[in-house]
Each structure stands twice: as C-alpha cells, then as structure tokens.
C-alpha cells in the first residue's frame, strides 16, 4: 500500500501531496484537476485520497485500498 494522497491549497493553486512529503507532487490551477490526478495516484498505489478545503480542513476522503467489504464489526 502506497502513501495517502492529499489535495491541498498551494500558493493560490491546488497541489497533490503524498502523506509525509514536504513538497507537492503536482500543482494544478483547479481543485477538480488536482482531485483527478490524486485519484489516479491513489488508485495506482491502492491508498486513500484526502481532499482539503481552502481552510485546510479535510472535507472528503475516499479509499482505493483493499478495504474489507462488508466492514468488520
């Protein structure tokens, strides 16, 4: 399983950052473009996608890993 991917505000644009990385992997002009790129990376790495709003708070998260279905418990 790879690093979780975060879509974050970046100097007026939007960036895709792997969890724990200090630098962004991709910079786009729109959040929609950043989400699409991050989704591709998360699917490829079987990780999670976390979408942050302009305020930096997580507003949505999607998992592309090997989650058990139905969930245990």
PDB file of N, CA and C in Angstrom:
ATOM      1  N   UNK A   1       0.837  -1.172   0.000  1.00  0.00           N
ATOM      2  CA  UNK A   1       0.000   0.000   0.000  1.00  0.00           C
ATOM      3  C   UNK A   1       0.884   1.238   0.000  1.00  0.00           C
ATOM      4  N   UNK A   2       0.560   2.209  -0.871  1.00  0.00           N
ATOM      5  CA  UNK A   2       1.363   3.414  -1.014  1.00  0.00           C
ATOM      6  C   UNK A   2       0.955   4.513  -0.057  1.00  0.00           C
ATOM      7  N   UNK A   3       1.506   5.679  -0.292  1.00  0.00           N
ATOM      8  CA  UNK A   3       1.218   6.842   0.552  1.00  0.00           C
ATOM      9  C   UNK A   3      -0.164   7.397   0.230  1.00  0.00           C
ATOM     10  N   UNK A   4      -0.870   7.820   1.272  1.00  0.00           N
ATOM     11  CA  UNK A   4      -2.131   8.509   1.072  1.00  0.00           C
ATOM     12  C   UNK A   4      -1.863   9.819   0.338  1.00  0.00           C
ATOM     13  N   UNK A   5      -2.791  10.223  -0.528  1.00  0.00           N
ATOM     14  CA  UNK A   5      -2.638  11.433  -1.333  1.00  0.00           C
ATOM     15  C   UNK A   5      -3.559  12.525  -0.818  1.00  0.00           C
ATOM     16  N   UNK A   6      -3.017  13.711  -0.626  1.00  0.00           N
ATOM     17  CA  UNK A   6      -3.769  14.849  -0.114  1.00  0.00           C
ATOM     18  C   UNK A   6      -3.879  15.922  -1.197  1.00  0.00           C
ATOM     19  N   UNK A   7      -5.095  16.417  -1.423  1.00  0.00           N
ATOM     20  CA  UNK A   7      -5.313  17.572  -2.298  1.00  0.00           C
ATOM     21  C   UNK A   7      -5.370  18.783  -1.379  1.00  0.00           C
ATOM     22  N   UNK A   8      -4.418  19.707  -1.564  1.00  0.00           N
ATOM     23  CA  UNK A   8      -4.269  20.827  -0.638  1.00  0.00           C
ATOM     24  C   UNK A   8      -4.136  22.151  -1.392  1.00  0.00           C
ATOM     25  N   UNK A   9      -4.566  23.264  -0.747  1.00  0.00           N
ATOM     26  CA  UNK A   9      -4.312  24.580  -1.353  1.00  0.00           C
ATOM     27  C   UNK A   9      -2.810  24.820  -1.409  1.00  0.00           C
ATOM     28  N   UNK A  10      -2.344  25.453  -2.514  1.00  0.00           N
ATOM     29  CA  UNK A  10      -0.900  25.662  -2.684  1.00  0.00           C
ATOM     30  C   UNK A  10      -0.646  26.974  -3.423  1.00  0.00           C
ATOM     31  N   UNK A  11      -0.322  28.015  -2.685  1.00  0.00           N
ATOM     32  CA  UNK A  11       0.023  29.327  -3.263  1.00  0.00           C
ATOM     33  C   UNK A  11      -1.010  29.824  -4.274  1.00  0.00           C
ATOM     34  N   UNK A  12      -2.276  29.747  -3.928  1.00  0.00           N
ATOM     35  CA  UNK A  12      -3.335  30.216  -4.812  1.00  0.00           C
ATOM     36  C   UNK A  12      -3.807  29.176  -5.813  1.00  0.00           C
ATOM     37  N   UNK A  13      -3.073  28.089  -5.954  1.00  0.00           N
ATOM     38  CA  UNK A  13      -3.461  26.977  -6.823  1.00  0.00           C
ATOM     39  C   UNK A  13      -3.802  25.784  -5.939  1.00  0.00           C
ATOM     40  N   UNK A  14      -3.766  24.593  -6.512  1.00  0.00           N
ATOM     41  CA  UNK A  14      -4.022  23.367  -5.761  1.00  0.00           C
ATOM     42  C   UNK A  14      -2.884  22.392  -5.995  1.00  0.00           C
ATOM     43  N   UNK A  15      -2.522  21.667  -4.951  1.00  0.00           N
ATOM     44  CA  UNK A  15      -1.441  20.710  -5.055  1.00  0.00           C
ATOM     45  C   UNK A  15      -1.863  19.327  -4.604  1.00  0.00           C
ATOM     46  N   UNK A  16      -1.108  18.339  -5.082  1.00  0.00           N
ATOM     47  CA  UNK A  16      -1.265  16.956  -4.644  1.00  0.00           C
ATOM     48  C   UNK A  16       0.001  16.618  -3.878  1.00  0.00           C
ATOM     49  N   UNK A  17      -0.168  16.175  -2.643  1.00  0.00           N
ATOM     50  CA  UNK A  17       0.978  15.889  -1.780  1.00  0.00           C
ATOM     51  C   UNK A  17       0.837  14.492  -1.208  1.00  0.00           C
ATOM     52  N   UNK A  18       1.867  13.682  -1.334  1.00  0.00           N
ATOM     53  CA  UNK A  18       1.902  12.376  -0.687  1.00  0.00           C
ATOM     54  C   UNK A  18       2.065  12.561   0.804  1.00  0.00           C
ATOM     55  N   UNK A  19       1.383  11.731   1.582  1.00  0.00           N
ATOM     56  CA  UNK A  19       1.431  11.863   3.040  1.00  0.00           C
ATOM     57  C   UNK A  19       2.863  11.782   3.533  1.00  0.00           C
ATOM     58  N   UNK A  20       3.236  12.750   4.366  1.00  0.00           N
ATOM     59  CA  UNK A  20       4.581  12.792   4.932  1.00  0.00           C
ATOM     60  C   UNK A  20       5.579  13.552   4.076  1.00  0.00           C
ATOM     61  N   UNK A  21       5.218  13.894   2.843  1.00  0.00           N
ATOM     62  CA  UNK A  21       6.124  14.644   1.972  1.00  0.00           C
ATOM     63  C   UNK A  21       6.046  16.131   2.291  1.00  0.00           C
ATOM     64  N   UNK A  22       7.168  16.826   2.181  1.00  0.00           N
ATOM     65  CA  UNK A  22       7.160  18.264   2.411  1.00  0.00           C
ATOM     66  C   UNK A  22       6.856  19.020   1.119  1.00  0.00           C
ATOM     67  N   UNK A  23       7.105  18.399  -0.031  1.00  0.00           N
ATOM     68  CA  UNK A  23       6.867  19.051  -1.320  1.00  0.00           C
ATOM     69  C   UNK A  23       5.666  18.433  -2.013  1.00  0.00           C
ATOM     70  N   UNK A  24       4.994  19.238  -2.836  1.00  0.00           N
ATOM     71  CA  UNK A  24       3.856  18.725  -3.594  1.00  0.00           C
ATOM     72  C   UNK A  24       4.358  17.972  -4.819  1.00  0.00           C
ATOM     73  N   UNK A  25       3.572  16.975  -5.250  1.00  0.00           N
ATOM     74  CA  UNK A  25       3.908  16.164  -6.413  1.00  0.00           C
ATOM     75  C   UNK A  25       3.433  16.833  -7.692  1.00  0.00           C
ATOM     76  N   UNK A  26       2.230  17.417  -7.632  1.00  0.00           N
ATOM     77  CA  UNK A  26       1.586  18.030  -8.796  1.00  0.00           C
ATOM     78  C   UNK A  26       0.964  19.350  -8.362  1.00  0.00           C
ATOM     79  N   UNK A  27       1.029  20.372  -9.227  1.00  0.00           N
ATOM     80  CA  UNK A  27       0.344  21.645  -8.989  1.00  0.00           C
ATOM     81  C   UNK A  27      -0.616  21.875 -10.146  1.00  0.00           C
ATOM     82  N   UNK A  28      -1.880  22.203  -9.817  1.00  0.00           N
ATOM     83  CA  UNK A  28      -2.889  22.477 -10.840  1.00  0.00           C
ATOM     84  C   UNK A  28      -3.580  23.797 -10.518  1.00  0.00           C
ATOM     85  N   UNK A  29      -4.291  24.337 -11.500  1.00  0.00           N
ATOM     86  CA  UNK A  29      -4.998  25.597 -11.289  1.00  0.00           C
ATOM     87  C   UNK A  29      -6.328  25.393 -10.588  1.00  0.00           C
ATOM     88  N   UNK A  30      -6.954  24.221 -10.757  1.00  0.00           N
ATOM     89  CA  UNK A  30      -8.257  23.989 -10.141  1.00  0.00           C
ATOM     90  C   UNK A  30      -8.208  22.796  -9.202  1.00  0.00           C
ATOM     91  N   UNK A  31      -9.117  22.815  -8.244  1.00  0.00           N
ATOM     92  CA  UNK A  31      -9.205  21.703  -7.313  1.00  0.00           C
ATOM     93  C   UNK A  31      -9.652  20.437  -8.043  1.00  0.00           C
ATOM     94  N   UNK A  32     -10.542  20.576  -9.015  1.00  0.00           N
ATOM     95  CA  UNK A  32     -11.028  19.409  -9.761  1.00  0.00           C
ATOM     96  C   UNK A  32      -9.888  18.687 -10.482  1.00  0.00           C
ATOM     97  N   UNK A  33      -8.962  19.445 -11.079  1.00  0.00           N
ATOM     98  CA  UNK A  33      -7.809  18.836 -11.740  1.00  0.00           C
ATOM     99  C   UNK A  33      -6.929  18.110 -10.725  1.00  0.00           C
ATOM    100  N   UNK A  34      -6.712  18.737  -9.574  1.00  0.00           N
ATOM    101  CA  UNK A  34      -5.881  18.126  -8.532  1.00  0.00           C
ATOM    102  C   UNK A  34      -6.524  16.849  -8.018  1.00  0.00           C
ATOM    103  N   UNK A  35      -7.845  16.861  -7.847  1.00  0.00           N
ATOM    104  CA  UNK A  35      -8.552  15.660  -7.374  1.00  0.00           C
ATOM    105  C   UNK A  35      -8.392  14.529  -8.376  1.00  0.00           C
ATOM    106  N   UNK A  36      -8.531  14.828  -9.659  1.00  0.00           N
ATOM    107  CA  UNK A  36      -8.398  13.793 -10.687  1.00  0.00           C
ATOM    108  C   UNK A  36      -7.007  13.176 -10.665  1.00  0.00           C
ATOM    109  N   UNK A  37      -5.977  14.011 -10.599  1.00  0.00           N
ATOM    110  CA  UNK A  37      -4.594  13.498 -10.567  1.00  0.00           C
ATOM    111  C   UNK A  37      -4.335  12.692  -9.306  1.00  0.00           C
ATOM    112  N   UNK A  38      -4.806  13.197  -8.157  1.00  0.00           N
ATOM    113  CA  UNK A  38      -4.607  12.493  -6.888  1.00  0.00           C
ATOM    114  C   UNK A  38      -5.346  11.167  -6.888  1.00  0.00           C
ATOM    115  N   UNK A  39      -6.544  11.129  -7.491  1.00  0.00           N
ATOM    116  CA  UNK A  39      -7.316   9.887  -7.570  1.00  0.00           C
ATOM    117  C   UNK A  39      -6.555   8.828  -8.382  1.00  0.00           C
ATOM    118  N   UNK A  40      -5.960   9.247  -9.497  1.00  0.00           N
ATOM    119  CA  UNK A  40      -5.170   8.322 -10.320  1.00  0.00           C
ATOM    120  C   UNK A  40      -4.009   7.740  -9.518  1.00  0.00           C
ATOM    121  N   UNK A  41      -3.322   8.598  -8.776  1.00  0.00           N
ATOM    122  CA  UNK A  41      -2.180   8.140  -7.965  1.00  0.00           C
ATOM    123  C   UNK A  41      -2.660   7.198  -6.865  1.00  0.00           C
ATOM    124  N   UNK A  42      -3.753   7.564  -6.175  1.00  0.00           N
ATOM    125  CA  UNK A  42      -4.269   6.748  -5.072  1.00  0.00           C
ATOM    126  C   UNK A  42      -4.727   5.379  -5.573  1.00  0.00           C
ATOM    127  N   UNK A  43      -5.377   5.340  -6.728  1.00  0.00           N
ATOM    128  CA  UNK A  43      -5.812   4.056  -7.295  1.00  0.00           C
ATOM    129  C   UNK A  43      -4.595   3.212  -7.624  1.00  0.00           C
ATOM    130  N   UNK A  44      -3.596   3.825  -8.255  1.00  0.00           N
ATOM    131  CA  UNK A  44      -2.377   3.109  -8.634  1.00  0.00           C
ATOM    132  C   UNK A  44      -1.642   2.568  -7.408  1.00  0.00           C
ATOM    133  N   UNK A  45      -1.631   3.332  -6.322  1.00  0.00           N
ATOM    134  CA  UNK A  45      -0.905   2.933  -5.115  1.00  0.00           C
ATOM    135  C   UNK A  45      -1.790   2.215  -4.101  1.00  0.00           C
ATOM    136  N   UNK A  46      -3.068   2.049  -4.422  1.00  0.00           N
ATOM    137  CA  UNK A  46      -4.036   1.421  -3.508  1.00  0.00           C
ATOM    138  C   UNK A  46      -3.995   2.091  -2.135  1.00  0.00           C
ATOM    139  N   UNK A  47      -4.165   3.417  -2.151  1.00  0.00           N
ATOM    140  CA  UNK A  47      -4.118   4.194  -0.913  1.00  0.00           C
ATOM    141  C   UNK A  47      -5.379   5.046  -0.798  1.00  0.00           C
ATOM    142  N   UNK A  48      -5.358   6.013   0.119  1.00  0.00           N
ATOM    143  CA  UNK A  48      -6.514   6.873   0.329  1.00  0.00           C
ATOM    144  C   UNK A  48      -6.294   8.241  -0.296  1.00  0.00           C
ATOM    145  N   UNK A  49      -7.404   8.868  -0.665  1.00  0.00           N
ATOM    146  CA  UNK A  49      -7.410  10.226  -1.189  1.00  0.00           C
ATOM    147  C   UNK A  49      -8.106  11.114  -0.166  1.00  0.00           C
ATOM    148  N   UNK A  50      -7.425  12.164   0.282  1.00  0.00           N
ATOM    149  CA  UNK A  50      -7.993  13.104   1.243  1.00  0.00           C
ATOM    150  C   UNK A  50      -8.045  14.476   0.590  1.00  0.00           C
ATOM    151  N   UNK A  51      -9.251  15.052   0.516  1.00  0.00           N
ATOM    152  CA  UNK A  51      -9.453  16.333  -0.141  1.00  0.00           C
ATOM    153  C   UNK A  51      -9.647  17.405   0.925  1.00  0.00           C
ATOM    154  N   UNK A  52      -8.782  18.404   0.902  1.00  0.00           N
ATOM    155  CA  UNK A  52      -8.839  19.506   1.854  1.00  0.00           C
ATOM    156  C   UNK A  52      -9.530  20.703   1.200  1.00  0.00           C
ATOM    157  N   UNK A  53     -10.240  21.484   1.991  1.00  0.00           N
ATOM    158  CA  UNK A  53     -10.829  22.726   1.515  1.00  0.00           C
ATOM    159  C   UNK A  53      -9.811  23.846   1.574  1.00  0.00           C
ATOM    160  N   UNK A  54     -10.202  25.046   1.158  1.00  0.00           N
ATOM    161  CA  UNK A  54      -9.299  26.208   1.205  1.00  0.00           C
ATOM    162  C   UNK A  54      -8.813  26.493   2.622  1.00  0.00           C
ATOM    163  N   UNK A  55      -9.638  26.140   3.627  1.00  0.00           N
ATOM    164  CA  UNK A  55      -9.254  26.380   5.022  1.00  0.00           C
ATOM    165  C   UNK A  55      -8.296  25.315   5.553  1.00  0.00           C
ATOM    166  N   UNK A  56      -7.981  24.311   4.749  1.00  0.00           N
ATOM    167  CA  UNK A  56      -7.037  23.281   5.148  1.00  0.00           C
ATOM    168  C   UNK A  56      -7.664  22.068   5.817  1.00  0.00           C
ATOM    169  N   UNK A  57      -8.947  22.162   6.177  1.00  0.00           N
ATOM    170  CA  UNK A  57      -9.609  21.027   6.825  1.00  0.00           C
ATOM    171  C   UNK A  57     -10.027  19.980   5.791  1.00  0.00           C
ATOM    172  N   UNK A  58      -9.960  18.721   6.198  1.00  0.00           N
ATOM    173  CA  UNK A  58     -10.374  17.633   5.315  1.00  0.00           C
ATOM    174  C   UNK A  58     -11.884  17.713   5.124  1.00  0.00           C
ATOM    175  N   UNK A  59     -12.326  17.740   3.866  1.00  0.00           N
ATOM    176  CA  UNK A  59     -13.758  17.823   3.588  1.00  0.00           C
ATOM    177  C   UNK A  59     -14.296  16.539   2.970  1.00  0.00           C
ATOM    178  N   UNK A  60     -13.399  15.691   2.479  1.00  0.00           N
ATOM    179  CA  UNK A  60     -13.829  14.431   1.878  1.00  0.00           C
ATOM    180  C   UNK A  60     -12.653  13.465   1.869  1.00  0.00           C
ATOM    181  N   UNK A  61     -12.980  12.167   1.951  1.00  0.00           N
ATOM    182  CA  UNK A  61     -11.918  11.173   1.859  1.00  0.00           C
ATOM    183  C   UNK A  61     -12.468   9.938   1.177  1.00  0.00           C
ATOM    184  N   UNK A  62     -11.641   9.326   0.339  1.00  0.00           N
ATOM    185  CA  UNK A  62     -12.016   8.126  -0.404  1.00  0.00           C
ATOM    186  C   UNK A  62     -10.885   7.120  -0.300  1.00  0.00           C
ATOM    187  N   UNK A  63     -11.245   5.855  -0.168  1.00  0.00           N
ATOM    188  CA  UNK A  63     -10.252   4.806  -0.055  1.00  0.00           C
ATOM    189  C   UNK A  63     -10.207   3.987  -1.337  1.00  0.00           C
ATOM    190  N   UNK A  64      -9.004   3.754  -1.836  1.00  0.00           N
ATOM    191  CA  UNK A  64      -8.813   2.928  -3.025  1.00  0.00           C
ATOM    192  C   UNK A  64      -7.933   1.722  -2.705  1.00  0.00           C
ATOM    193  N   UNK A  65      -7.854   1.393  -1.398  1.00  0.00           N
ATOM    194  CA  UNK A  65      -7.054   0.254  -0.955  1.00  0.00           C
ATOM    195  C   UNK A  65      -7.876  -1.006  -0.897  1.00  0.00           C
ATOM    196  N   UNK A  66      -7.359  -1.987  -0.224  1.00  0.00           N
ATOM    197  CA  UNK A  66      -8.032  -3.276  -0.082  1.00  0.00           C
ATOM    198  C   UNK A  66      -8.848  -3.296   1.187  1.00  0.00           C
ATOM    199  N   UNK A  67      -9.879  -2.465   1.249  1.00  0.00           N
ATOM    200  CA  UNK A  67     -10.742  -2.428   2.413  1.00  0.00           C
ATOM    201  C   UNK A  67     -11.650  -3.649   2.421  1.00  0.00           C
ATOM    202  N   UNK A  68     -11.868  -4.251   3.605  1.00  0.00           N
ATOM    203  CA  UNK A  68     -12.800  -5.376   3.665  1.00  0.00           C
ATOM    204  C   UNK A  68     -14.236  -4.887   3.473  1.00  0.00           C
ATOM    205  N   UNK A  69     -14.996  -5.631   2.687  1.00  0.00           N
ATOM    206  CA  UNK A  69     -16.408  -5.276   2.498  1.00  0.00           C
ATOM    207  C   UNK A  69     -17.217  -6.526   2.655  1.00  0.00           C
ATOM    208  N   UNK A  70     -18.193  -6.616   3.481  1.00  0.00           N
ATOM    209  CA  UNK A  70     -18.597  -5.518   4.365  1.00  0.00           C
ATOM    210  C   UNK A  70     -17.591  -5.304   5.476  1.00  0.00           C
ATOM    211  N   UNK A  71     -17.580  -4.115   6.066  1.00  0.00           N
ATOM    212  CA  UNK A  71     -16.622  -3.826   7.134  1.00  0.00           C
ATOM    213  C   UNK A  71     -16.812  -4.779   8.318  1.00  0.00           C
ATOM    214  N   UNK A  72     -15.712  -5.125   8.954  1.00  0.00           N
ATOM    215  CA  UNK A  72     -15.792  -5.999  10.124  1.00  0.00           C
ATOM    216  C   UNK A  72     -16.380  -5.239  11.300  1.00  0.00           C
ATOM    217  N   UNK A  73     -17.101  -5.968  12.176  1.00  0.00           N
ATOM    218  CA  UNK A  73     -17.600  -5.348  13.405  1.00  0.00           C
ATOM    219  C   UNK A  73     -18.974  -4.977  13.400  1.00  0.00           C
TER     220      UNK A  73
END
